[in-house]
């Protein structure tokens, strides 16, 4: 096990080389393989924005053409890379009692040509915006957390029902409409087929309220703790009752104060109640805020065998790990920096960004923790993924030259001149 003091540019580069070696065979041509490795280093660099232009400049290329070709046209097995990332993560993070976590996140975009873009609600902003929605499958164990799989959501009316628009974005003809829960189910099925070790599935109420997804998990005897809405109908011996009505009937002695895991400001402690249903495998878990008792959250639990309340609470708390993955992925691995429009290009960029995030998660897992003495503030907390990325960026940044900096400045300005001229021409045509 390495320690932070042992980290060096050589060690970090070697770790990234080892991770990339697992996927290198998915890139047939050597120049594509080399460019993908350079792209991976750029995604972990200190660049302010990480798109085709900046990644190419960081890699020492003269123009962004090759880097853009990596995302848009070069031949490589993107799903094979995804599978290799999964194997890499399971080698270092895999545990039999781990949690698969499903969720979606928004990527705000301008214009109407990016695959799947439309005005739709995104929890990233908490409102309706012009954006793409990606559905992701996360993995959380005691060793760490990362993203295993990804799918781009294509709205039915604005995309699937418009084949010309899909063709322009290179959406394959065989791709039909799938709801977000269906996309999550497909990713869970891939994880099962690949032998991913896990014991639980959790997701928010957009997925928990979906009956087909729940029934699919139950048919495979998969335990879950899925958030459901307050209006969700719970079947009891007395009939169907809303979840919030059930909560109102819990006696004071029915609540237990437990932590669902550590947060940025300490343990996330809530009051919890567990209510039986007419099925021995199903129970309703209710979470109550300590500061505002009217703030309730509801979870439907399916466990083929009895499970302690504390474990159900921990699985419910694991749902937030994918939010942390989204934050780390966007801040440290440039999940949302892309400027690609094509459907295949989205998968290519996101998959390479997932590899960058996986490298951070694995590097964090193999470092020895540095515990602080009890009741002391003089020690060091365990190193975070963003600290590893910062060290990588500072220790491995390539040397630059004045001529290369000025070359790219001229290139950008020439391109911007052409873009401005084209924009003015289009505007003049509209004004006629």
Protein backbone atom coordinates (compact mmCIF):
# COMPACT_ATOMS: atom_id res chain seq x y z
CA UNK A 1 0.00 0.00 0.00
CA UNK A 2 1.37 3.40 -0.99
CA UNK A 3 1.28 6.48 1.20
CA UNK A 4 0.67 10.04 0.14
CA UNK A 5 4.30 10.96 0.79
CA UNK A 6 5.33 8.38 -1.80
CA UNK A 7 3.24 9.94 -4.56
CA UNK A 8 5.31 11.34 -7.37
CA UNK A 9 4.82 12.22 -11.00
CA UNK A 10 6.31 8.86 -11.99
CA UNK A 11 4.07 6.89 -9.61
CA UNK A 12 0.92 8.71 -10.67
CA UNK A 13 1.72 8.37 -14.36
CA UNK A 14 2.49 4.69 -13.85
CA UNK A 15 -0.85 4.20 -12.10
CA UNK A 16 -2.69 5.87 -14.97
CA UNK A 17 -0.68 3.84 -17.49
CA UNK A 18 -1.69 0.65 -15.67
CA UNK A 19 -5.35 1.68 -15.80
CA UNK A 20 -5.14 2.57 -19.47
CA UNK A 21 -3.32 -0.67 -20.28
CA UNK A 22 -6.51 -2.52 -19.35
CA UNK A 23 -8.43 -0.74 -22.13
CA UNK A 24 -5.64 -0.18 -24.65
CA UNK A 25 -6.64 -3.20 -26.73
CA UNK A 26 -10.00 -1.57 -27.50
CA UNK A 27 -8.20 0.98 -29.72
CA UNK A 28 -7.03 -0.73 -32.90
CA UNK A 29 -4.83 1.95 -34.41
CA UNK A 30 -1.78 3.10 -32.42
CA UNK A 31 -2.39 6.80 -33.07
CA UNK A 32 -5.94 6.52 -31.71
CA UNK A 33 -4.64 4.60 -28.70
CA UNK A 34 -1.98 7.24 -28.00
CA UNK A 35 -4.48 10.05 -28.39
CA UNK A 36 -6.91 8.37 -25.98
CA UNK A 37 -4.15 8.08 -23.39
CA UNK A 38 -3.26 11.75 -23.89
CA UNK A 39 -6.94 12.66 -23.56
CA UNK A 40 -7.12 10.78 -20.26
CA UNK A 41 -4.19 12.79 -18.91
CA UNK A 42 -5.84 15.99 -20.09
CA UNK A 43 -9.09 15.13 -18.33
CA UNK A 44 -7.15 14.88 -15.06
CA UNK A 45 -5.10 18.01 -15.71
CA UNK A 46 -5.53 21.49 -14.29
CA UNK A 47 -7.15 22.84 -17.46
CA UNK A 48 -9.99 25.24 -16.76
CA UNK A 49 -12.16 23.72 -19.50
CA UNK A 50 -11.54 20.31 -21.04
CA UNK A 51 -12.90 20.15 -24.57
CA UNK A 52 -11.44 19.09 -27.91
CA UNK A 53 -9.43 22.30 -28.29
CA UNK A 54 -7.91 22.45 -24.82
CA UNK A 55 -7.25 18.69 -24.63
CA UNK A 56 -5.41 18.82 -27.98
CA UNK A 57 -3.35 21.80 -26.88
CA UNK A 58 -2.47 20.09 -23.60
CA UNK A 59 -1.43 16.95 -25.52
CA UNK A 60 0.96 18.97 -27.67
CA UNK A 61 -0.99 18.62 -30.92
CA UNK A 62 -1.04 21.38 -33.51
CA UNK A 63 -4.81 21.41 -34.08
CA UNK A 64 -7.87 19.89 -32.34
CA UNK A 65 -8.77 17.77 -35.38
CA UNK A 66 -7.32 14.52 -34.05
CA UNK A 67 -8.88 14.89 -30.60
CA UNK A 68 -12.27 15.68 -32.10
CA UNK A 69 -11.88 12.65 -34.38
CA UNK A 70 -11.28 10.50 -31.28
CA UNK A 71 -14.79 11.38 -30.10
CA UNK A 72 -16.59 11.58 -33.42
CA UNK A 73 -15.17 9.19 -36.01
CA UNK A 74 -12.17 7.10 -34.91
CA UNK A 75 -12.82 3.36 -34.59
CA UNK A 76 -12.67 1.99 -31.09
CA UNK A 77 -14.82 -0.24 -28.88
CA UNK A 78 -16.46 2.14 -26.44
CA UNK A 79 -18.61 -0.52 -24.73
CA UNK A 80 -15.54 -2.71 -24.39
CA UNK A 81 -13.80 0.15 -22.57
CA UNK A 82 -16.83 0.42 -20.30
CA UNK A 83 -16.58 -3.29 -19.51
CA UNK A 84 -12.85 -2.98 -18.78
CA UNK A 85 -13.51 -0.06 -16.43
CA UNK A 86 -15.99 -2.26 -14.58
CA UNK A 87 -13.41 -5.04 -14.23
CA UNK A 88 -10.78 -2.54 -13.04
CA UNK A 89 -13.14 -1.17 -10.38
CA UNK A 90 -14.26 -4.59 -9.17
CA UNK A 91 -10.64 -5.67 -8.71
CA UNK A 92 -10.10 -2.83 -6.26
CA UNK A 93 -13.55 -1.91 -4.89
CA UNK A 94 -15.63 -5.07 -5.27
CA UNK A 95 -17.50 -6.45 -2.24
CA UNK A 96 -20.37 -8.91 -1.97
CA UNK A 97 -22.48 -6.52 0.13
CA UNK A 98 -21.86 -3.43 -2.03
CA UNK A 99 -24.67 -1.21 -3.29
CA UNK A 100 -25.60 -0.47 -6.89
CA UNK A 101 -26.85 3.12 -7.04
CA UNK A 102 -28.95 4.47 -9.89
CA UNK A 103 -29.52 8.12 -10.69
CA UNK A 104 -29.53 10.64 -13.52
CA UNK A 105 -27.86 14.00 -13.96
CA UNK A 106 -28.28 16.88 -16.39
CA UNK A 107 -25.80 18.41 -18.80
CA UNK A 108 -26.87 21.94 -19.67
CA UNK A 109 -26.48 22.72 -23.38
CA UNK A 110 -27.11 25.52 -25.86
CA UNK A 111 -28.87 24.87 -29.14
CA UNK A 112 -30.94 21.93 -30.33
CA UNK A 113 -28.54 19.59 -32.13
CA UNK A 114 -26.88 17.70 -29.28
CA UNK A 115 -28.34 14.19 -29.05
CA UNK A 116 -31.21 14.02 -26.55
CA UNK A 117 -31.24 17.73 -25.78
CA UNK A 118 -34.53 19.43 -25.01
CA UNK A 119 -36.08 21.60 -22.32
CA UNK A 120 -36.59 19.15 -19.48
CA UNK A 121 -36.31 18.99 -15.71
CA UNK A 122 -32.87 18.37 -14.30
CA UNK A 123 -32.12 17.89 -10.62
CA UNK A 124 -28.68 19.38 -11.28
CA UNK A 125 -30.31 22.82 -11.48
CA UNK A 126 -33.58 21.95 -9.76
CA UNK A 127 -35.57 23.33 -12.68
CA UNK A 128 -36.47 22.89 -16.34
CA UNK A 129 -33.57 23.78 -18.65
CA UNK A 130 -32.25 23.03 -22.12
CA UNK A 131 -30.12 19.98 -21.35
CA UNK A 132 -29.23 16.37 -21.95
CA UNK A 133 -29.96 13.75 -19.30
CA UNK A 134 -27.56 10.91 -18.60
CA UNK A 135 -28.64 7.91 -16.51
CA UNK A 136 -25.80 6.32 -14.54
CA UNK A 137 -25.16 3.24 -12.43
CA UNK A 138 -22.88 3.82 -9.47
CA UNK A 139 -21.12 1.37 -7.18
CA UNK A 140 -20.55 1.91 -3.47
CA UNK A 141 -18.59 -0.34 -1.13
CA UNK A 142 -16.54 0.16 2.01
CA UNK A 143 -13.49 0.58 -0.28
CA UNK A 144 -14.86 3.47 -2.32
CA UNK A 145 -17.37 4.52 -4.95
CA UNK A 146 -17.34 5.09 -8.71
CA UNK A 147 -19.50 4.98 -11.84
CA UNK A 148 -19.92 1.62 -13.61
CA UNK A 149 -22.22 2.36 -16.53
CA UNK A 150 -24.01 5.11 -18.44
CA UNK A 151 -26.87 5.67 -20.87
CA UNK A 152 -28.08 8.80 -22.65
CA UNK A 153 -31.81 9.43 -22.30
CA UNK A 154 -33.56 10.20 -25.59
CA UNK A 155 -37.02 11.83 -25.16
CA UNK A 156 -39.79 10.14 -27.12
CA UNK A 157 -41.55 13.02 -28.88
CA UNK A 158 -38.67 15.37 -29.57
CA UNK A 159 -36.18 12.66 -30.61
CA UNK A 160 -37.33 9.07 -31.10
CA UNK A 161 -40.44 10.21 -32.97
CA UNK A 162 -38.28 12.29 -35.33
CA UNK A 163 -36.05 9.86 -37.27
CA UNK A 164 -34.46 12.62 -39.36
CA UNK A 165 -33.26 14.37 -36.22
CA UNK A 166 -31.94 11.10 -34.82
CA UNK A 167 -30.11 10.35 -38.06
CA UNK A 168 -28.43 13.76 -38.01
CA UNK A 169 -27.14 13.02 -34.50
CA UNK A 170 -26.08 9.49 -35.58
CA UNK A 171 -28.49 7.74 -33.24
CA UNK A 172 -28.49 4.08 -34.39
CA UNK A 173 -31.76 2.97 -35.99
CA UNK A 174 -32.17 0.14 -33.48
CA UNK A 175 -32.24 2.56 -30.55
CA UNK A 176 -35.85 2.96 -29.47
CA UNK A 177 -37.47 4.88 -26.68
CA UNK A 178 -36.61 3.78 -23.15
CA UNK A 179 -37.67 5.42 -19.92
CA UNK A 180 -35.04 6.30 -17.34
CA UNK A 181 -36.03 3.32 -15.12
CA UNK A 182 -35.72 1.05 -18.19
CA UNK A 183 -32.24 2.41 -18.88
CA UNK A 184 -31.28 1.76 -15.26
CA UNK A 185 -32.70 -1.76 -15.45
CA UNK A 186 -30.63 -2.48 -18.56
CA UNK A 187 -27.46 -1.36 -16.74
CA UNK A 188 -28.28 -3.50 -13.70
CA UNK A 189 -28.80 -6.48 -16.01
CA UNK A 190 -25.36 -5.87 -17.54
CA UNK A 191 -23.81 -5.74 -14.07
CA UNK A 192 -25.44 -9.04 -13.14
CA UNK A 193 -24.32 -10.69 -16.39
CA UNK A 194 -20.76 -9.49 -15.76
CA UNK A 195 -20.71 -11.01 -12.28
CA UNK A 196 -20.42 -7.70 -10.43
CA UNK A 197 -20.54 -8.47 -6.68
CA UNK A 198 -23.27 -6.54 -4.90
CA UNK A 199 -25.99 -7.07 -2.32
CA UNK A 200 -28.29 -4.10 -2.79
CA UNK A 201 -29.83 -1.61 -5.20
CA UNK A 202 -30.91 1.90 -4.26
CA UNK A 203 -32.21 4.89 -6.21
CA UNK A 204 -34.41 7.96 -5.76
CA UNK A 205 -38.19 8.06 -6.02
CA UNK A 206 -38.24 8.54 -9.80
CA UNK A 207 -37.03 4.93 -9.93
CA UNK A 208 -38.58 3.65 -6.69
CA UNK A 209 -42.09 4.58 -7.81
CA UNK A 210 -41.60 2.53 -10.99
CA UNK A 211 -43.41 -0.79 -10.53
CA UNK A 212 -41.78 -2.69 -13.44
CA UNK A 213 -38.29 -1.90 -12.12
CA UNK A 214 -39.19 -3.07 -8.62
CA UNK A 215 -40.79 -6.26 -9.92
CA UNK A 216 -37.72 -6.96 -12.06
CA UNK A 217 -35.44 -6.72 -9.03
CA UNK A 218 -37.79 -8.87 -6.96
CA UNK A 219 -37.92 -11.55 -9.68
CA UNK A 220 -34.12 -11.83 -9.36
CA UNK A 221 -34.30 -11.90 -5.53
CA UNK A 222 -32.33 -8.64 -5.36
CA UNK A 223 -32.59 -6.67 -2.14
CA UNK A 224 -33.36 -2.98 -2.54
CA UNK A 225 -34.03 0.20 -0.60
CA UNK A 226 -35.73 2.51 -3.08
CA UNK A 227 -37.01 5.97 -2.29
CA UNK A 228 -40.73 6.40 -3.00
CA UNK A 229 -43.03 9.41 -2.99
CA UNK A 230 -45.15 10.33 0.02
CA UNK A 231 -48.23 9.38 -2.03
CA UNK A 232 -46.91 5.86 -2.67
CA UNK A 233 -49.51 3.22 -1.81
CA UNK A 234 -48.39 0.69 0.80
CA UNK A 235 -50.38 -2.55 1.04
CA UNK A 236 -51.13 -3.51 4.65
CA UNK A 237 -53.46 -6.00 6.29
CA UNK A 238 -56.05 -3.20 6.37
CA UNK A 239 -55.66 -2.41 2.66
CA UNK A 240 -53.73 0.20 0.71
CA UNK A 241 -52.52 3.26 2.60
CA UNK A 242 -50.43 6.25 1.50
CA UNK A 243 -46.88 6.31 2.85
CA UNK A 244 -47.36 9.69 4.56
CA UNK A 245 -50.54 8.43 6.27
CA UNK A 246 -48.56 5.50 7.63
CA UNK A 247 -45.95 7.89 8.98
CA UNK A 248 -48.56 9.78 10.97
CA UNK A 249 -49.47 6.56 12.80
CA UNK A 250 -45.96 5.81 14.07
CA UNK A 251 -45.86 6.17 17.89
CA UNK A 252 -43.12 8.15 19.57
CA UNK A 253 -41.44 4.91 20.67
CA UNK A 254 -41.40 3.71 17.07
CA UNK A 255 -38.62 6.09 16.02
CA UNK A 256 -34.91 5.29 16.36
CA UNK A 257 -32.11 7.83 15.93
CA UNK A 258 -29.44 6.41 13.64
CA UNK A 259 -26.71 7.61 11.29
CA UNK A 260 -26.98 6.71 7.61
CA UNK A 261 -23.30 7.48 7.04
CA UNK A 262 -20.72 10.24 7.35
CA UNK A 263 -21.27 13.55 5.59
CA UNK A 264 -19.18 16.65 5.00
CA UNK A 265 -20.26 18.05 8.39
CA UNK A 266 -20.36 14.85 10.42
CA UNK A 267 -22.68 11.86 10.72
CA UNK A 268 -25.98 12.23 8.86
CA UNK A 269 -28.30 11.45 11.76
CA UNK A 270 -32.07 11.13 11.41
CA UNK A 271 -34.97 9.50 13.18
CA UNK A 272 -36.07 6.29 11.44
CA UNK A 273 -39.14 4.07 11.62
CA UNK A 274 -39.73 0.70 10.00
CA UNK A 275 -43.29 -0.43 9.17
CA UNK A 276 -44.41 -3.91 8.17
CA UNK A 277 -46.57 -4.51 5.10
CA UNK A 278 -48.72 -7.47 4.09
CA UNK A 279 -45.60 -9.05 2.54
CA UNK A 280 -42.85 -10.42 4.81
CA UNK A 281 -40.26 -9.36 2.19
CA UNK A 282 -41.44 -5.72 2.02
CA UNK A 283 -41.28 -2.95 4.60
CA UNK A 284 -41.66 0.80 4.56
CA UNK A 285 -38.71 2.76 5.93
CA UNK A 286 -39.38 6.36 7.00
CA UNK A 287 -36.73 9.01 7.62
CA UNK A 288 -37.51 12.09 9.74
CA UNK A 289 -35.35 15.20 9.98
CA UNK A 290 -34.12 16.12 13.45
CA UNK A 291 -34.40 19.87 12.83
CA UNK A 292 -37.76 19.74 11.03
CA UNK A 293 -39.91 16.74 12.03
CA UNK A 294 -42.33 17.47 9.17
CA UNK A 295 -39.53 16.78 6.69
CA UNK A 296 -40.03 13.10 5.87
CA UNK A 297 -38.56 10.74 3.27
CA UNK A 298 -39.90 7.30 2.41
CA UNK A 299 -38.20 4.11 1.20
CA UNK A 300 -39.70 0.82 0.11
CA UNK A 301 -37.46 -2.05 1.19
CA UNK A 302 -37.38 -5.51 -0.34
CA UNK A 303 -35.29 -8.11 1.50
CA UNK A 304 -35.83 -11.83 0.85
CA UNK A 305 -34.28 -12.45 4.30
CA UNK A 306 -34.63 -10.36 7.50
CA UNK A 307 -32.14 -7.49 7.72
CA UNK A 308 -31.36 -5.22 10.71
CA UNK A 309 -32.72 -1.69 10.62
CA UNK A 310 -29.19 -0.23 10.73
CA UNK A 311 -28.27 -1.95 7.46
CA UNK A 312 -31.40 -0.66 5.72
CA UNK A 313 -30.53 2.84 6.93
CA UNK A 314 -26.97 2.50 5.60
CA UNK A 315 -28.22 1.38 2.19
CA UNK A 316 -30.64 4.31 2.08
CA UNK A 317 -27.72 6.61 2.87
CA UNK A 318 -25.62 5.04 0.10
CA UNK A 319 -27.87 6.71 -2.46
CA UNK A 320 -25.95 9.94 -1.89
CA UNK A 321 -22.68 8.33 -3.04
CA UNK A 322 -23.69 8.76 -6.67
CA UNK A 323 -24.31 12.45 -6.06
CA UNK A 324 -20.74 12.60 -4.80
CA UNK A 325 -19.61 10.74 -7.94
CA UNK A 326 -21.43 13.28 -10.11
CA UNK A 327 -19.83 16.16 -8.23
CA UNK A 328 -16.36 14.61 -8.41
CA UNK A 329 -16.88 13.57 -12.02
CA UNK A 330 -17.86 17.08 -13.07
CA UNK A 331 -15.30 18.91 -10.95
CA UNK A 332 -12.32 16.57 -11.32
CA UNK A 333 -12.90 14.38 -14.40
CA UNK A 334 -14.67 16.93 -16.65
CA UNK A 335 -17.93 14.96 -17.04
CA UNK A 336 -19.75 18.08 -18.23
CA UNK A 337 -17.01 19.88 -20.18
CA UNK A 338 -17.67 18.17 -23.49
CA UNK A 339 -18.75 20.00 -26.64
CA UNK A 340 -19.78 17.00 -28.71
CA UNK A 341 -23.18 16.73 -30.36
CA UNK A 342 -23.34 13.23 -31.84
CA UNK A 343 -24.90 10.31 -29.96
CA UNK A 344 -21.79 8.05 -30.27
CA UNK A 345 -19.52 10.95 -29.30
CA UNK A 346 -21.39 11.45 -26.01
CA UNK A 347 -20.71 7.82 -25.05
CA UNK A 348 -17.06 8.09 -26.06
CA UNK A 349 -16.36 11.23 -24.08
CA UNK A 350 -18.31 10.11 -21.00
CA UNK A 351 -16.67 6.67 -21.01
CA UNK A 352 -13.16 8.16 -21.04
CA UNK A 353 -14.22 10.53 -18.26
CA UNK A 354 -15.49 7.49 -16.32
CA UNK A 355 -12.03 5.92 -16.67
CA UNK A 356 -10.46 9.09 -15.28
CA UNK A 357 -12.88 8.99 -12.34
CA UNK A 358 -12.18 5.26 -11.82
CA UNK A 359 -8.45 5.99 -11.65
CA UNK A 360 -9.06 8.55 -8.90
CA UNK A 361 -11.28 6.11 -6.97
CA UNK A 362 -8.78 3.24 -7.21
CA UNK A 363 -5.81 5.45 -6.32
CA UNK A 364 -7.71 6.65 -3.28
CA UNK A 365 -8.56 3.06 -2.30
CA UNK A 366 -4.96 1.84 -2.41
CA UNK A 367 -3.55 4.69 -0.33
CA UNK A 368 -3.17 4.02 3.38
CA UNK A 369 -5.50 6.16 5.48
CA UNK A 370 -3.80 8.67 7.72
CA UNK A 371 -5.97 8.74 10.85
CA UNK A 372 -5.82 11.71 13.17
CA UNK A 373 -5.37 11.13 16.90
CA UNK A 374 -8.69 10.99 18.80
CA UNK A 375 -10.19 14.40 19.58
CA UNK A 376 -7.38 16.10 17.69
CA UNK A 377 -7.29 18.47 14.73
CA UNK A 378 -3.56 18.04 14.11
CA UNK A 379 -3.77 14.91 11.97
CA UNK A 380 -4.68 14.42 8.29
CA UNK A 381 -8.00 13.15 7.00
CA UNK A 382 -7.98 10.45 4.34
CA UNK A 383 -6.97 11.82 0.98
CA UNK A 384 -9.88 12.72 -1.30
CA UNK A 385 -10.34 12.16 -5.03
CA UNK A 386 -10.10 15.89 -5.72
CA UNK A 387 -6.82 16.10 -3.80
CA UNK A 388 -5.41 13.21 -5.84
CA UNK A 389 -6.49 14.94 -9.05
CA UNK A 390 -4.88 18.19 -7.87
CA UNK A 391 -1.62 16.39 -7.09
CA UNK A 392 -1.73 14.67 -10.47
CA UNK A 393 -2.26 17.98 -12.26
CA UNK A 394 0.58 19.72 -10.43
CA UNK A 395 3.11 16.88 -10.54
CA UNK A 396 2.56 15.69 -14.11
CA UNK A 397 1.83 18.86 -16.10
CA UNK A 398 3.89 18.88 -19.30
CA UNK A 399 6.38 21.66 -20.04
CA UNK A 400 5.17 24.45 -22.31
CA UNK A 401 6.92 26.82 -24.64
CA UNK A 402 6.17 30.37 -25.70
CA UNK A 403 5.94 29.35 -29.36
CA UNK A 404 3.36 26.64 -28.64
CA UNK A 405 1.26 29.02 -26.53
CA UNK A 406 1.28 31.65 -29.28
CA UNK A 407 0.55 29.03 -31.96
CA UNK A 408 -2.63 28.00 -30.19
CA UNK A 409 -3.61 31.61 -29.58
CA UNK A 410 -3.39 32.29 -33.32
CA UNK A 411 -5.25 29.07 -34.14
CA UNK A 412 -8.14 29.95 -31.82
CA UNK A 413 -8.43 33.46 -33.17
CA UNK A 414 -8.44 32.26 -36.80
CA UNK A 415 -11.15 29.73 -36.00
CA UNK A 416 -13.20 32.34 -34.15
CA UNK A 417 -12.91 34.67 -37.14
CA UNK A 418 -14.28 31.98 -39.44
CA UNK A 419 -17.05 31.15 -36.99
CA UNK A 420 -18.05 34.82 -36.67
CA UNK A 421 -18.09 35.24 -40.46
CA UNK A 422 -20.31 32.16 -40.86
CA UNK A 423 -22.65 33.41 -38.16
CA UNK A 424 -22.99 36.80 -39.82
CA UNK A 425 -23.72 35.13 -43.18
CA UNK A 426 -26.45 32.99 -41.66
CA UNK A 427 -27.95 36.01 -39.92
CA UNK A 428 -28.00 37.99 -43.20
CA UNK A 429 -29.83 35.12 -44.94
CA UNK A 430 -32.45 35.09 -42.19
CA UNK A 431 -32.94 38.86 -42.46
CA UNK A 432 -33.71 38.77 -46.19
